């Protein structure tokens, strides 16, 4: 084979080889974009799940330490987070029931106690004992991380 013949072969194969190289590069770039988009979605989902966890953690921390207005504000934030939970946490009935229980107990026990204390303050009577709120907060604070553990696992970012 002479060099002219080899050059014709290279010339004929050059365009398909360049097209193949561009196709492979495009496929690799597309795969990289899809992988990056999945990781971004997982990160955003993690942030939203963590925000729900933080809202309930702040509520439980506010019960024994904060004043009435801070507790009411924390309960309002936790109630909003509870409404967002089905969209962010999926159809997990166990976690939704747990979050509902926390909001219900805080509303029934703590906020009702706050309203009662406000009534007593206005009438000049003594304040009630905040020990019940502290006991509930301690119990619920131990359970909250366990309930959220599967949703806040950092291994969720792999893949």
Protein backbone atom coordinates (compact mmCIF):
# COMPACT_ATOMS: atom_id res chain seq x y z
CA UNK A 1 0.00 0.00 0.00
CA UNK A 2 1.32 3.37 -0.88
CA UNK A 3 0.97 6.55 1.16
CA UNK A 4 -1.66 8.05 -1.13
CA UNK A 5 -3.90 5.08 -0.46
CA UNK A 6 -3.35 5.36 3.31
CA UNK A 7 -4.11 9.08 3.20
CA UNK A 8 -7.39 8.40 1.40
CA UNK A 9 -8.37 5.90 4.10
CA UNK A 10 -7.50 8.36 6.86
CA UNK A 11 -9.42 11.08 5.08
CA UNK A 12 -12.46 8.82 4.74
CA UNK A 13 -12.31 7.70 8.38
CA UNK A 14 -11.50 11.14 9.82
CA UNK A 15 -15.00 12.59 9.77
CA UNK A 16 -16.70 9.53 11.34
CA UNK A 17 -14.00 9.34 14.02
CA UNK A 18 -14.44 13.01 14.91
CA UNK A 19 -18.23 12.54 14.99
CA UNK A 20 -17.81 9.49 17.25
CA UNK A 21 -15.49 11.41 19.58
CA UNK A 22 -17.99 14.30 19.79
CA UNK A 23 -20.82 11.82 20.44
CA UNK A 24 -18.88 10.11 23.26
CA UNK A 25 -17.96 13.47 24.82
CA UNK A 26 -21.60 14.58 24.62
CA UNK A 27 -22.80 11.35 26.27
CA UNK A 28 -20.27 11.68 29.08
CA UNK A 29 -21.23 15.31 29.65
CA UNK A 30 -24.95 14.38 29.67
CA UNK A 31 -24.33 11.56 32.19
CA UNK A 32 -22.36 13.98 34.37
CA UNK A 33 -25.20 16.54 34.23
CA UNK A 34 -27.82 13.94 35.20
CA UNK A 35 -25.68 12.75 38.10
CA UNK A 36 -25.14 16.34 39.27
CA UNK A 37 -28.87 17.10 39.04
CA UNK A 38 -29.68 14.01 41.15
CA UNK A 39 -27.17 15.04 43.78
CA UNK A 40 -28.60 18.58 43.82
CA UNK A 41 -32.11 17.17 44.26
CA UNK A 42 -30.93 14.95 47.14
CA UNK A 43 -29.19 17.91 48.74
CA UNK A 44 -32.30 20.11 48.45
CA UNK A 45 -34.45 17.32 49.88
CA UNK A 46 -32.00 16.90 52.75
CA UNK A 47 -32.13 20.64 53.48
CA UNK A 48 -35.92 20.59 53.59
CA UNK A 49 -35.99 17.49 55.80
CA UNK A 50 -33.45 19.05 58.11
CA UNK A 51 -35.54 22.24 58.34
CA UNK A 52 -38.50 20.18 59.59
CA UNK A 53 -36.26 18.46 62.11
CA UNK A 54 -34.87 21.82 63.30
CA UNK A 55 -38.37 23.30 63.69
CA UNK A 56 -39.39 20.47 66.02
CA UNK A 57 -36.06 20.46 67.83
CA UNK A 58 -36.40 24.20 68.45
CA UNK A 59 -39.91 23.66 69.77
CA UNK A 60 -38.74 20.98 72.18
CA UNK A 61 -35.81 23.11 73.31
CA UNK A 62 -38.06 26.14 73.81
CA UNK A 63 -40.45 24.33 76.15
CA UNK A 64 -38.26 24.27 79.29
CA UNK A 65 -36.05 27.27 78.50
CA UNK A 66 -38.02 30.00 76.72
CA UNK A 67 -40.85 32.31 77.55
CA UNK A 68 -44.43 31.98 76.45
CA UNK A 69 -44.08 34.06 73.30
CA UNK A 70 -41.06 32.07 72.09
CA UNK A 71 -42.91 28.79 72.75
CA UNK A 72 -45.92 30.00 70.77
CA UNK A 73 -43.66 31.07 67.90
CA UNK A 74 -41.80 27.74 67.94
CA UNK A 75 -45.13 25.87 67.96
CA UNK A 76 -46.31 27.91 64.98
CA UNK A 77 -43.12 27.05 63.06
CA UNK A 78 -43.40 23.37 63.99
CA UNK A 79 -47.04 23.31 62.90
CA UNK A 80 -46.08 24.72 59.50
CA UNK A 81 -43.27 22.18 59.23
CA UNK A 82 -45.73 19.41 60.14
CA UNK A 83 -47.93 20.47 57.23
CA UNK A 84 -44.94 20.33 54.86
CA UNK A 85 -43.79 16.94 56.14
CA UNK A 86 -45.92 14.72 53.85
CA UNK A 87 -44.43 16.38 50.78
CA UNK A 88 -40.84 16.18 51.99
CA UNK A 89 -40.82 12.96 54.02
CA UNK A 90 -43.09 10.94 51.76
CA UNK A 91 -45.84 8.59 52.84
CA UNK A 92 -44.22 7.54 56.10
CA UNK A 93 -47.16 7.29 58.48
CA UNK A 94 -44.96 6.67 61.53
CA UNK A 95 -43.11 10.00 61.32
CA UNK A 96 -46.29 11.91 60.49
CA UNK A 97 -48.08 10.37 63.48
CA UNK A 98 -45.11 11.26 65.70
CA UNK A 99 -45.04 14.89 64.53
CA UNK A 100 -48.82 15.14 64.96
CA UNK A 101 -48.46 13.75 68.48
CA UNK A 102 -45.82 16.35 69.41
CA UNK A 103 -47.95 19.23 68.09
CA UNK A 104 -51.08 17.88 69.76
CA UNK A 105 -49.38 17.36 73.14
CA UNK A 106 -47.71 20.77 73.06
CA UNK A 107 -50.96 22.42 72.06
CA UNK A 108 -53.04 20.53 74.61
CA UNK A 109 -50.64 20.61 77.54
CA UNK A 110 -48.24 23.49 77.12
CA UNK A 111 -50.19 26.11 75.21
CA UNK A 112 -53.31 25.41 77.28
CA UNK A 113 -51.10 25.87 80.36
CA UNK A 114 -49.73 29.12 78.95
CA UNK A 115 -53.25 30.41 78.35
CA UNK A 116 -54.23 29.34 81.87
CA UNK A 117 -51.14 31.07 83.31
CA UNK A 118 -51.93 34.20 81.31
CA UNK A 119 -55.40 34.15 82.84
CA UNK A 120 -53.91 33.66 86.30
CA UNK A 121 -51.43 36.49 85.76
CA UNK A 122 -54.24 38.79 84.74
CA UNK A 123 -56.21 37.83 87.82
CA UNK A 124 -53.16 38.11 90.12
CA UNK A 125 -52.79 34.37 90.91
CA UNK A 126 -49.49 32.43 90.94
CA UNK A 127 -47.74 30.91 87.92
CA UNK A 128 -48.01 27.15 87.36
CA UNK A 129 -45.12 24.68 87.58
CA UNK A 130 -43.25 24.37 84.24
CA UNK A 131 -42.03 20.86 85.14
CA UNK A 132 -44.61 19.14 82.92
CA UNK A 133 -43.34 20.99 79.85
CA UNK A 134 -39.73 20.15 80.73
CA UNK A 135 -40.58 16.46 81.20
CA UNK A 136 -42.38 16.28 77.87
CA UNK A 137 -39.54 18.10 76.11
CA UNK A 138 -36.97 15.70 77.55
CA UNK A 139 -38.99 12.65 76.47
CA UNK A 140 -39.67 13.96 72.99
CA UNK A 141 -36.10 15.24 72.50
CA UNK A 142 -34.78 11.70 72.95
CA UNK A 143 -37.23 10.32 70.39
CA UNK A 144 -36.96 13.05 67.72
CA UNK A 145 -33.47 12.13 66.42
CA UNK A 146 -34.45 8.47 66.22
CA UNK A 147 -37.56 9.28 64.20
CA UNK A 148 -35.60 11.47 61.74
CA UNK A 149 -32.50 9.26 61.49
CA UNK A 150 -33.53 7.52 58.27
CA UNK A 151 -34.48 10.82 56.61
CA UNK A 152 -31.28 12.65 57.54
CA UNK A 153 -28.80 9.93 56.71
CA UNK A 154 -25.85 11.37 54.82
CA UNK A 155 -25.50 8.11 52.90
CA UNK A 156 -28.51 9.37 50.93
CA UNK A 157 -26.02 11.45 48.88
CA UNK A 158 -24.29 8.44 47.34
CA UNK A 159 -25.18 7.31 43.86
